[in-house]
């Protein structure tokens, strides 16, 4: 059962992380357009993108997407716990 639950958790966690990252990215794109009046940079490494804009975009995107993924995975772990009565395999401490 532990091996099956590990696979279930891996898929469940991956779906939660990818879904939350996609939603966060759309929200960031929209917020960028509203706040700057311009489209977000497609490639921050492009020399035509101003350095301040590239740094702001990479910093904002990285932080927001990472936070969204973390919260989604925590929520998925809570759901997994409620459904199975135990933490997902990678989150179990020794002896649990």
PDB file of N, CA and C in Angstrom:
ATOM      1  N   UNK A   1       0.822  -1.199   0.000  1.00  0.00           N
ATOM      2  CA  UNK A   1       0.000   0.000   0.000  1.00  0.00           C
ATOM      3  C   UNK A   1       0.862   1.258   0.000  1.00  0.00           C
ATOM      4  N   UNK A   2       1.985   1.224   0.709  1.00  0.00           N
ATOM      5  CA  UNK A   2       2.835   2.409   0.804  1.00  0.00           C
ATOM      6  C   UNK A   2       3.359   2.820  -0.568  1.00  0.00           C
ATOM      7  N   UNK A   3       3.707   1.842  -1.395  1.00  0.00           N
ATOM      8  CA  UNK A   3       4.213   2.172  -2.719  1.00  0.00           C
ATOM      9  C   UNK A   3       3.117   2.798  -3.577  1.00  0.00           C
ATOM     10  N   UNK A   4       1.892   2.256  -3.506  1.00  0.00           N
ATOM     11  CA  UNK A   4       0.771   2.821  -4.248  1.00  0.00           C
ATOM     12  C   UNK A   4       0.443   4.223  -3.761  1.00  0.00           C
ATOM     13  N   UNK A   5       0.443   4.420  -2.445  1.00  0.00           N
ATOM     14  CA  UNK A   5       0.104   5.739  -1.920  1.00  0.00           C
ATOM     15  C   UNK A   5       1.177   6.750  -2.277  1.00  0.00           C
ATOM     16  N   UNK A   6       2.410   6.299  -2.408  1.00  0.00           N
ATOM     17  CA  UNK A   6       3.489   7.192  -2.814  1.00  0.00           C
ATOM     18  C   UNK A   6       3.275   7.661  -4.252  1.00  0.00           C
ATOM     19  N   UNK A   7       2.847   6.755  -5.113  1.00  0.00           N
ATOM     20  CA  UNK A   7       2.570   7.117  -6.508  1.00  0.00           C
ATOM     21  C   UNK A   7       1.381   8.065  -6.594  1.00  0.00           C
ATOM     22  N   UNK A   8       0.348   7.764  -5.817  1.00  0.00           N
ATOM     23  CA  UNK A   8      -0.841   8.629  -5.801  1.00  0.00           C
ATOM     24  C   UNK A   8      -0.438  10.027  -5.349  1.00  0.00           C
ATOM     25  N   UNK A   9       0.341  10.091  -4.266  1.00  0.00           N
ATOM     26  CA  UNK A   9       0.770  11.398  -3.762  1.00  0.00           C
ATOM     27  C   UNK A   9       1.609  12.133  -4.804  1.00  0.00           C
ATOM     28  N   UNK A  10       2.506  11.437  -5.485  1.00  0.00           N
ATOM     29  CA  UNK A  10       3.360  12.081  -6.487  1.00  0.00           C
ATOM     30  C   UNK A  10       2.528  12.730  -7.581  1.00  0.00           C
ATOM     31  N   UNK A  11       1.543  12.007  -8.076  1.00  0.00           N
ATOM     32  CA  UNK A  11       0.675  12.548  -9.124  1.00  0.00           C
ATOM     33  C   UNK A  11      -0.166  13.694  -8.574  1.00  0.00           C
ATOM     34  N   UNK A  12      -0.751  13.496  -7.417  1.00  0.00           N
ATOM     35  CA  UNK A  12      -1.611  14.505  -6.792  1.00  0.00           C
ATOM     36  C   UNK A  12      -0.826  15.787  -6.537  1.00  0.00           C
ATOM     37  N   UNK A  13       0.364  15.656  -6.004  1.00  0.00           N
ATOM     38  CA  UNK A  13       1.219  16.797  -5.702  1.00  0.00           C
ATOM     39  C   UNK A  13       1.642  17.528  -6.972  1.00  0.00           C
ATOM     40  N   UNK A  14       1.989  16.768  -8.001  1.00  0.00           N
ATOM     41  CA  UNK A  14       2.400  17.361  -9.266  1.00  0.00           C
ATOM     42  C   UNK A  14       1.264  18.154  -9.905  1.00  0.00           C
ATOM     43  N   UNK A  15       0.072  17.588  -9.926  1.00  0.00           N
ATOM     44  CA  UNK A  15      -1.084  18.278 -10.503  1.00  0.00           C
ATOM     45  C   UNK A  15      -1.380  19.567  -9.734  1.00  0.00           C
ATOM     46  N   UNK A  16      -1.324  19.500  -8.414  1.00  0.00           N
ATOM     47  CA  UNK A  16      -1.571  20.699  -7.596  1.00  0.00           C
ATOM     48  C   UNK A  16      -0.525  21.769  -7.879  1.00  0.00           C
ATOM     49  N   UNK A  17       0.732  21.378  -7.971  1.00  0.00           N
ATOM     50  CA  UNK A  17       1.813  22.343  -8.208  1.00  0.00           C
ATOM     51  C   UNK A  17       1.705  22.973  -9.593  1.00  0.00           C
ATOM     52  N   UNK A  18       1.468  22.162 -10.605  1.00  0.00           N
ATOM     53  CA  UNK A  18       1.372  22.694 -11.966  1.00  0.00           C
ATOM     54  C   UNK A  18       0.150  23.588 -12.137  1.00  0.00           C
ATOM     55  N   UNK A  19      -0.966  23.161 -11.574  1.00  0.00           N
ATOM     56  CA  UNK A  19      -2.183  23.975 -11.672  1.00  0.00           C
ATOM     57  C   UNK A  19      -2.030  25.312 -10.981  1.00  0.00           C
ATOM     58  N   UNK A  20      -1.466  25.298  -9.806  1.00  0.00           N
ATOM     59  CA  UNK A  20      -1.302  26.556  -9.069  1.00  0.00           C
ATOM     60  C   UNK A  20      -0.298  27.466  -9.763  1.00  0.00           C
ATOM     61  N   UNK A  21       0.754  26.898 -10.335  1.00  0.00           N
ATOM     62  CA  UNK A  21       1.745  27.709 -11.051  1.00  0.00           C
ATOM     63  C   UNK A  21       1.111  28.373 -12.277  1.00  0.00           C
ATOM     64  N   UNK A  22       0.265  27.640 -12.981  1.00  0.00           N
ATOM     65  CA  UNK A  22      -0.396  28.212 -14.164  1.00  0.00           C
ATOM     66  C   UNK A  22      -1.340  29.345 -13.778  1.00  0.00           C
ATOM     67  N   UNK A  23      -2.100  29.144 -12.723  1.00  0.00           N
ATOM     68  CA  UNK A  23      -3.026  30.190 -12.262  1.00  0.00           C
ATOM     69  C   UNK A  23      -2.249  31.410 -11.774  1.00  0.00           C
ATOM     70  N   UNK A  24      -1.181  31.174 -11.033  1.00  0.00           N
ATOM     71  CA  UNK A  24      -0.360  32.281 -10.526  1.00  0.00           C
ATOM     72  C   UNK A  24       0.250  33.059 -11.686  1.00  0.00           C
ATOM     73  N   UNK A  25       0.720  32.367 -12.680  1.00  0.00           N
ATOM     74  CA  UNK A  25       1.346  33.045 -13.826  1.00  0.00           C
ATOM     75  C   UNK A  25       0.344  33.933 -14.558  1.00  0.00           C
ATOM     76  N   UNK A  26      -0.879  33.450 -14.732  1.00  0.00           N
ATOM     77  CA  UNK A  26      -1.904  34.279 -15.384  1.00  0.00           C
ATOM     78  C   UNK A  26      -2.203  35.515 -14.554  1.00  0.00           C
ATOM     79  N   UNK A  27      -2.283  35.342 -13.246  1.00  0.00           N
ATOM     80  CA  UNK A  27      -2.554  36.477 -12.361  1.00  0.00           C
ATOM     81  C   UNK A  27      -1.407  37.483 -12.404  1.00  0.00           C
ATOM     82  N   UNK A  28      -0.180  36.995 -12.426  1.00  0.00           N
ATOM     83  CA  UNK A  28       0.981  37.886 -12.488  1.00  0.00           C
ATOM     84  C   UNK A  28       0.996  38.652 -13.810  1.00  0.00           C
ATOM     85  N   UNK A  29       0.725  37.957 -14.901  1.00  0.00           N
ATOM     86  CA  UNK A  29       0.683  38.621 -16.211  1.00  0.00           C
ATOM     87  C   UNK A  29      -0.334  39.760 -16.207  1.00  0.00           C
ATOM     88  N   UNK A  30      -1.502  39.470 -15.677  1.00  0.00           N
ATOM     89  CA  UNK A  30      -2.571  40.482 -15.655  1.00  0.00           C
ATOM     90  C   UNK A  30      -2.204  41.658 -14.739  1.00  0.00           C
ATOM     91  N   UNK A  31      -1.669  41.356 -13.572  1.00  0.00           N
ATOM     92  CA  UNK A  31      -1.271  42.409 -12.640  1.00  0.00           C
ATOM     93  C   UNK A  31      -0.163  43.280 -13.243  1.00  0.00           C
ATOM     94  N   UNK A  32       0.755  42.656 -13.976  1.00  0.00           N
ATOM     95  CA  UNK A  32       1.833  43.405 -14.616  1.00  0.00           C
ATOM     96  C   UNK A  32       1.258  44.377 -15.645  1.00  0.00           C
ATOM     97  N   UNK A  33       0.316  43.888 -16.450  1.00  0.00           N
ATOM     98  CA  UNK A  33      -0.288  44.749 -17.467  1.00  0.00           C
ATOM     99  C   UNK A  33      -1.031  45.919 -16.829  1.00  0.00           C
ATOM    100  N   UNK A  34      -1.737  45.655 -15.758  1.00  0.00           N
ATOM    101  CA  UNK A  34      -2.493  46.717 -15.086  1.00  0.00           C
ATOM    102  C   UNK A  34      -1.542  47.737 -14.460  1.00  0.00           C
ATOM    103  N   UNK A  35      -0.493  47.259 -13.803  1.00  0.00           N
ATOM    104  CA  UNK A  35       0.385  48.173 -13.075  1.00  0.00           C
ATOM    105  C   UNK A  35       1.359  48.943 -13.969  1.00  0.00           C
ATOM    106  N   UNK A  36       1.805  48.325 -15.079  1.00  0.00           N
ATOM    107  CA  UNK A  36       2.784  49.011 -15.934  1.00  0.00           C
ATOM    108  C   UNK A  36       2.182  49.540 -17.227  1.00  0.00           C
ATOM    109  N   UNK A  37       1.032  49.019 -17.614  1.00  0.00           N
ATOM    110  CA  UNK A  37       0.437  49.423 -18.887  1.00  0.00           C
ATOM    111  C   UNK A  37       1.074  48.726 -20.078  1.00  0.00           C
ATOM    112  N   UNK A  38       1.982  47.781 -19.816  1.00  0.00           N
ATOM    113  CA  UNK A  38       2.658  47.045 -20.895  1.00  0.00           C
ATOM    114  C   UNK A  38       2.524  45.550 -20.669  1.00  0.00           C
ATOM    115  N   UNK A  39       2.762  44.804 -21.753  1.00  0.00           N
ATOM    116  CA  UNK A  39       2.795  43.343 -21.628  1.00  0.00           C
ATOM    117  C   UNK A  39       4.027  42.949 -20.822  1.00  0.00           C
ATOM    118  N   UNK A  40       3.940  41.844 -20.101  1.00  0.00           N
ATOM    119  CA  UNK A  40       5.132  41.382 -19.380  1.00  0.00           C
ATOM    120  C   UNK A  40       6.212  40.946 -20.377  1.00  0.00           C
ATOM    121  N   UNK A  41       7.471  41.033 -19.977  1.00  0.00           N
ATOM    122  CA  UNK A  41       8.533  40.612 -20.900  1.00  0.00           C
ATOM    123  C   UNK A  41       8.434  39.125 -21.208  1.00  0.00           C
ATOM    124  N   UNK A  42       8.503  38.795 -22.484  1.00  0.00           N
ATOM    125  CA  UNK A  42       8.441  37.379 -22.874  1.00  0.00           C
ATOM    126  C   UNK A  42       9.730  36.662 -22.510  1.00  0.00           C
ATOM    127  N   UNK A  43      10.850  37.367 -22.664  1.00  0.00           N
ATOM    128  CA  UNK A  43      12.153  36.792 -22.332  1.00  0.00           C
ATOM    129  C   UNK A  43      12.965  37.865 -21.608  1.00  0.00           C
ATOM    130  N   UNK A  44      13.053  37.775 -20.283  1.00  0.00           N
ATOM    131  CA  UNK A  44      13.792  38.792 -19.536  1.00  0.00           C
ATOM    132  C   UNK A  44      15.273  38.880 -19.914  1.00  0.00           C
ATOM    133  N   UNK A  45      15.835  37.857 -20.538  1.00  0.00           N
ATOM    134  CA  UNK A  45      17.239  37.882 -20.949  1.00  0.00           C
ATOM    135  C   UNK A  45      17.456  38.674 -22.236  1.00  0.00           C
ATOM    136  N   UNK A  46      16.382  39.041 -22.905  1.00  0.00           N
ATOM    137  CA  UNK A  46      16.473  39.810 -24.144  1.00  0.00           C
ATOM    138  C   UNK A  46      17.110  41.170 -23.855  1.00  0.00           C
ATOM    139  N   UNK A  47      18.153  41.552 -24.591  1.00  0.00           N
ATOM    140  CA  UNK A  47      18.810  42.841 -24.348  1.00  0.00           C
ATOM    141  C   UNK A  47      17.901  44.051 -24.563  1.00  0.00           C
ATOM    142  N   UNK A  48      16.808  43.871 -25.297  1.00  0.00           N
ATOM    143  CA  UNK A  48      15.880  44.980 -25.507  1.00  0.00           C
ATOM    144  C   UNK A  48      15.005  45.253 -24.286  1.00  0.00           C
ATOM    145  N   UNK A  49      14.967  44.318 -23.342  1.00  0.00           N
ATOM    146  CA  UNK A  49      14.194  44.509 -22.106  1.00  0.00           C
ATOM    147  C   UNK A  49      15.092  45.250 -21.122  1.00  0.00           C
ATOM    148  N   UNK A  50      14.555  46.320 -20.536  1.00  0.00           N
ATOM    149  CA  UNK A  50      15.343  47.092 -19.571  1.00  0.00           C
ATOM    150  C   UNK A  50      15.686  46.216 -18.370  1.00  0.00           C
ATOM    151  N   UNK A  51      16.860  46.452 -17.794  1.00  0.00           N
ATOM    152  CA  UNK A  51      17.336  45.630 -16.686  1.00  0.00           C
ATOM    153  C   UNK A  51      16.379  45.691 -15.501  1.00  0.00           C
ATOM    154  N   UNK A  52      15.895  46.868 -15.147  1.00  0.00           N
ATOM    155  CA  UNK A  52      14.985  46.989 -13.995  1.00  0.00           C
ATOM    156  C   UNK A  52      13.726  46.173 -14.226  1.00  0.00           C
ATOM    157  N   UNK A  53      13.250  46.183 -15.485  1.00  0.00           N
ATOM    158  CA  UNK A  53      12.029  45.448 -15.806  1.00  0.00           C
ATOM    159  C   UNK A  53      12.272  43.942 -15.741  1.00  0.00           C
ATOM    160  N   UNK A  54      13.417  43.496 -16.250  1.00  0.00           N
ATOM    161  CA  UNK A  54      13.749  42.071 -16.210  1.00  0.00           C
ATOM    162  C   UNK A  54      13.891  41.587 -14.767  1.00  0.00           C
ATOM    163  N   UNK A  55      14.584  42.365 -13.939  1.00  0.00           N
ATOM    164  CA  UNK A  55      14.773  41.982 -12.539  1.00  0.00           C
ATOM    165  C   UNK A  55      13.438  41.953 -11.804  1.00  0.00           C
ATOM    166  N   UNK A  56      12.626  42.968 -12.006  1.00  0.00           N
ATOM    167  CA  UNK A  56      11.312  43.016 -11.352  1.00  0.00           C
ATOM    168  C   UNK A  56      10.443  41.837 -11.789  1.00  0.00           C
ATOM    169  N   UNK A  57      10.467  41.531 -13.069  1.00  0.00           N
ATOM    170  CA  UNK A  57       9.641  40.440 -13.594  1.00  0.00           C
ATOM    171  C   UNK A  57      10.094  39.087 -13.042  1.00  0.00           C
ATOM    172  N   UNK A  58      11.396  38.821 -13.092  1.00  0.00           N
ATOM    173  CA  UNK A  58      11.918  37.530 -12.625  1.00  0.00           C
ATOM    174  C   UNK A  58      11.691  37.364 -11.127  1.00  0.00           C
ATOM    175  N   UNK A  59      11.928  38.418 -10.369  1.00  0.00           N
ATOM    176  CA  UNK A  59      11.748  38.354  -8.917  1.00  0.00           C
ATOM    177  C   UNK A  59      10.288  38.106  -8.559  1.00  0.00           C
ATOM    178  N   UNK A  60       9.419  38.872  -9.158  1.00  0.00           N
ATOM    179  CA  UNK A  60       7.986  38.737  -8.874  1.00  0.00           C
ATOM    180  C   UNK A  60       7.468  37.367  -9.297  1.00  0.00           C
ATOM    181  N   UNK A  61       7.780  36.972 -10.504  1.00  0.00           N
ATOM    182  CA  UNK A  61       7.299  35.687 -11.018  1.00  0.00           C
ATOM    183  C   UNK A  61       7.811  34.528 -10.172  1.00  0.00           C
ATOM    184  N   UNK A  62       9.097  34.527  -9.882  1.00  0.00           N
ATOM    185  CA  UNK A  62       9.678  33.438  -9.101  1.00  0.00           C
ATOM    186  C   UNK A  62       9.053  33.319  -7.723  1.00  0.00           C
ATOM    187  N   UNK A  63       8.913  34.453  -7.046  1.00  0.00           N
ATOM    188  CA  UNK A  63       8.374  34.423  -5.685  1.00  0.00           C
ATOM    189  C   UNK A  63       6.909  33.997  -5.671  1.00  0.00           C
ATOM    190  N   UNK A  64       6.108  34.586  -6.544  1.00  0.00           N
ATOM    191  CA  UNK A  64       4.667  34.294  -6.536  1.00  0.00           C
ATOM    192  C   UNK A  64       4.396  32.850  -6.958  1.00  0.00           C
ATOM    193  N   UNK A  65       5.074  32.370  -7.972  1.00  0.00           N
ATOM    194  CA  UNK A  65       4.859  30.988  -8.424  1.00  0.00           C
ATOM    195  C   UNK A  65       5.316  30.008  -7.340  1.00  0.00           C
ATOM    196  N   UNK A  66       6.442  30.265  -6.712  1.00  0.00           N
ATOM    197  CA  UNK A  66       6.920  29.376  -5.644  1.00  0.00           C
ATOM    198  C   UNK A  66       5.943  29.352  -4.470  1.00  0.00           C
ATOM    199  N   UNK A  67       5.434  30.509  -4.090  1.00  0.00           N
ATOM    200  CA  UNK A  67       4.453  30.556  -2.994  1.00  0.00           C
ATOM    201  C   UNK A  67       3.165  29.834  -3.367  1.00  0.00           C
ATOM    202  N   UNK A  68       2.691  30.043  -4.587  1.00  0.00           N
ATOM    203  CA  UNK A  68       1.460  29.375  -5.034  1.00  0.00           C
ATOM    204  C   UNK A  68       1.638  27.861  -5.021  1.00  0.00           C
ATOM    205  N   UNK A  69       2.785  27.381  -5.497  1.00  0.00           N
ATOM    206  CA  UNK A  69       3.051  25.939  -5.487  1.00  0.00           C
ATOM    207  C   UNK A  69       3.100  25.396  -4.068  1.00  0.00           C
ATOM    208  N   UNK A  70       3.765  26.124  -3.165  1.00  0.00           N
ATOM    209  CA  UNK A  70       3.870  25.664  -1.787  1.00  0.00           C
ATOM    210  C   UNK A  70       2.486  25.566  -1.136  1.00  0.00           C
ATOM    211  N   UNK A  71       1.685  26.614  -1.298  1.00  0.00           N
ATOM    212  CA  UNK A  71       0.349  26.582  -0.685  1.00  0.00           C
ATOM    213  C   UNK A  71      -0.520  25.495  -1.298  1.00  0.00           C
ATOM    214  N   UNK A  72      -0.417  25.278  -2.606  1.00  0.00           N
ATOM    215  CA  UNK A  72      -1.197  24.214  -3.258  1.00  0.00           C
ATOM    216  C   UNK A  72      -0.762  22.840  -2.755  1.00  0.00           C
ATOM    217  N   UNK A  73       0.526  22.633  -2.593  1.00  0.00           N
ATOM    218  CA  UNK A  73       1.000  21.333  -2.116  1.00  0.00           C
ATOM    219  C   UNK A  73       0.636  21.122  -0.644  1.00  0.00           C
ATOM    220  N   UNK A  74       0.651  22.180   0.140  1.00  0.00           N
ATOM    221  CA  UNK A  74       0.214  22.050   1.536  1.00  0.00           C
ATOM    222  C   UNK A  74      -1.268  21.692   1.601  1.00  0.00           C
ATOM    223  N   UNK A  75      -2.041  22.331   0.743  1.00  0.00           N
ATOM    224  CA  UNK A  75      -3.477  22.027   0.711  1.00  0.00           C
ATOM    225  C   UNK A  75      -3.719  20.594   0.237  1.00  0.00           C
ATOM    226  N   UNK A  76      -2.936  20.168  -0.749  1.00  0.00           N
ATOM    227  CA  UNK A  76      -3.049  18.788  -1.243  1.00  0.00           C
ATOM    228  C   UNK A  76      -2.672  17.803  -0.142  1.00  0.00           C
ATOM    229  N   UNK A  77      -1.646  18.121   0.635  1.00  0.00           N
ATOM    230  CA  UNK A  77      -1.241  17.240   1.741  1.00  0.00           C
ATOM    231  C   UNK A  77      -2.340  17.158   2.793  1.00  0.00           C
ATOM    232  N   UNK A  78      -2.991  18.280   3.064  1.00  0.00           N
ATOM    233  CA  UNK A  78      -4.101  18.289   4.033  1.00  0.00           C
ATOM    234  C   UNK A  78      -5.251  17.410   3.525  1.00  0.00           C
ATOM    235  N   UNK A  79      -5.571  17.529   2.237  1.00  0.00           N
ATOM    236  CA  UNK A  79      -6.628  16.711   1.646  1.00  0.00           C
ATOM    237  C   UNK A  79      -6.241  15.231   1.702  1.00  0.00           C
ATOM    238  N   UNK A  80      -5.003  14.925   1.370  1.00  0.00           N
ATOM    239  CA  UNK A  80      -4.510  13.551   1.418  1.00  0.00           C
ATOM    240  C   UNK A  80      -4.644  13.002   2.836  1.00  0.00           C
ATOM    241  N   UNK A  81      -4.258  13.804   3.818  1.00  0.00           N
ATOM    242  CA  UNK A  81      -4.340  13.380   5.211  1.00  0.00           C
ATOM    243  C   UNK A  81      -5.784  13.095   5.613  1.00  0.00           C
ATOM    244  N   UNK A  82      -6.697  13.987   5.233  1.00  0.00           N
ATOM    245  CA  UNK A  82      -8.118  13.782   5.568  1.00  0.00           C
ATOM    246  C   UNK A  82      -8.673  12.532   4.886  1.00  0.00           C
ATOM    247  N   UNK A  83      -8.189  12.251   3.684  1.00  0.00           N
ATOM    248  CA  UNK A  83      -8.696  11.102   2.926  1.00  0.00           C
ATOM    249  C   UNK A  83      -8.133   9.771   3.406  1.00  0.00           C
ATOM    250  N   UNK A  84      -6.878   9.766   3.825  1.00  0.00           N
ATOM    251  CA  UNK A  84      -6.219   8.502   4.168  1.00  0.00           C
ATOM    252  C   UNK A  84      -5.943   8.337   5.663  1.00  0.00           C
ATOM    253  N   UNK A  85      -5.958   9.434   6.393  1.00  0.00           N
ATOM    254  CA  UNK A  85      -5.653   9.364   7.815  1.00  0.00           C
ATOM    255  C   UNK A  85      -4.168   9.408   8.129  1.00  0.00           C
ATOM    256  N   UNK A  86      -3.343   9.587   7.116  1.00  0.00           N
ATOM    257  CA  UNK A  86      -1.903   9.699   7.334  1.00  0.00           C
ATOM    258  C   UNK A  86      -1.316  10.709   6.361  1.00  0.00           C
ATOM    259  N   UNK A  87      -0.152  11.209   6.701  1.00  0.00           N
ATOM    260  CA  UNK A  87       0.520  12.159   5.820  1.00  0.00           C
ATOM    261  C   UNK A  87       1.008  11.456   4.559  1.00  0.00           C
ATOM    262  N   UNK A  88       1.200  12.200   3.475  1.00  0.00           N
ATOM    263  CA  UNK A  88       1.779  11.608   2.269  1.00  0.00           C
ATOM    264  C   UNK A  88       3.171  11.049   2.594  1.00  0.00           C
ATOM    265  N   UNK A  89       3.592   9.996   1.907  1.00  0.00           N
ATOM    266  CA  UNK A  89       4.867   9.352   2.214  1.00  0.00           C
ATOM    267  C   UNK A  89       6.064  10.301   2.335  1.00  0.00           C
ATOM    268  N   UNK A  90       6.263  11.250   1.427  1.00  0.00           N
ATOM    269  CA  UNK A  90       7.454  12.096   1.577  1.00  0.00           C
ATOM    270  C   UNK A  90       7.402  13.047   2.774  1.00  0.00           C
ATOM    271  N   UNK A  91       6.224  13.257   3.334  1.00  0.00           N
ATOM    272  CA  UNK A  91       6.083  14.186   4.454  1.00  0.00           C
ATOM    273  C   UNK A  91       6.062  13.500   5.810  1.00  0.00           C
ATOM    274  N   UNK A  92       6.092  12.180   5.804  1.00  0.00           N
ATOM    275  CA  UNK A  92       6.084  11.454   7.076  1.00  0.00           C
ATOM    276  C   UNK A  92       7.447  11.568   7.763  1.00  0.00           C
ATOM    277  N   UNK A  93       7.363  11.738   9.049  1.00  0.00           N
ATOM    278  CA  UNK A  93       8.596  11.747   9.839  1.00  0.00           C
ATOM    279  C   UNK A  93       8.944  10.302  10.167  1.00  0.00           C
ATOM    280  N   UNK A  94      10.155  10.073  10.577  1.00  0.00           N
ATOM    281  CA  UNK A  94      10.573   8.721  10.954  1.00  0.00           C
ATOM    282  C   UNK A  94       9.655   8.179  12.031  1.00  0.00           C
ATOM    283  N   UNK A  95       9.231   6.941  11.855  1.00  0.00           N
ATOM    284  CA  UNK A  95       8.395   6.284  12.856  1.00  0.00           C
ATOM    285  C   UNK A  95       6.900   6.537  12.701  1.00  0.00           C
ATOM    286  N   UNK A  96       6.480   7.276  11.700  1.00  0.00           N
ATOM    287  CA  UNK A  96       5.044   7.517  11.528  1.00  0.00           C
ATOM    288  C   UNK A  96       4.453   6.477  10.616  1.00  0.00           C
TER     289      UNK A  96
END
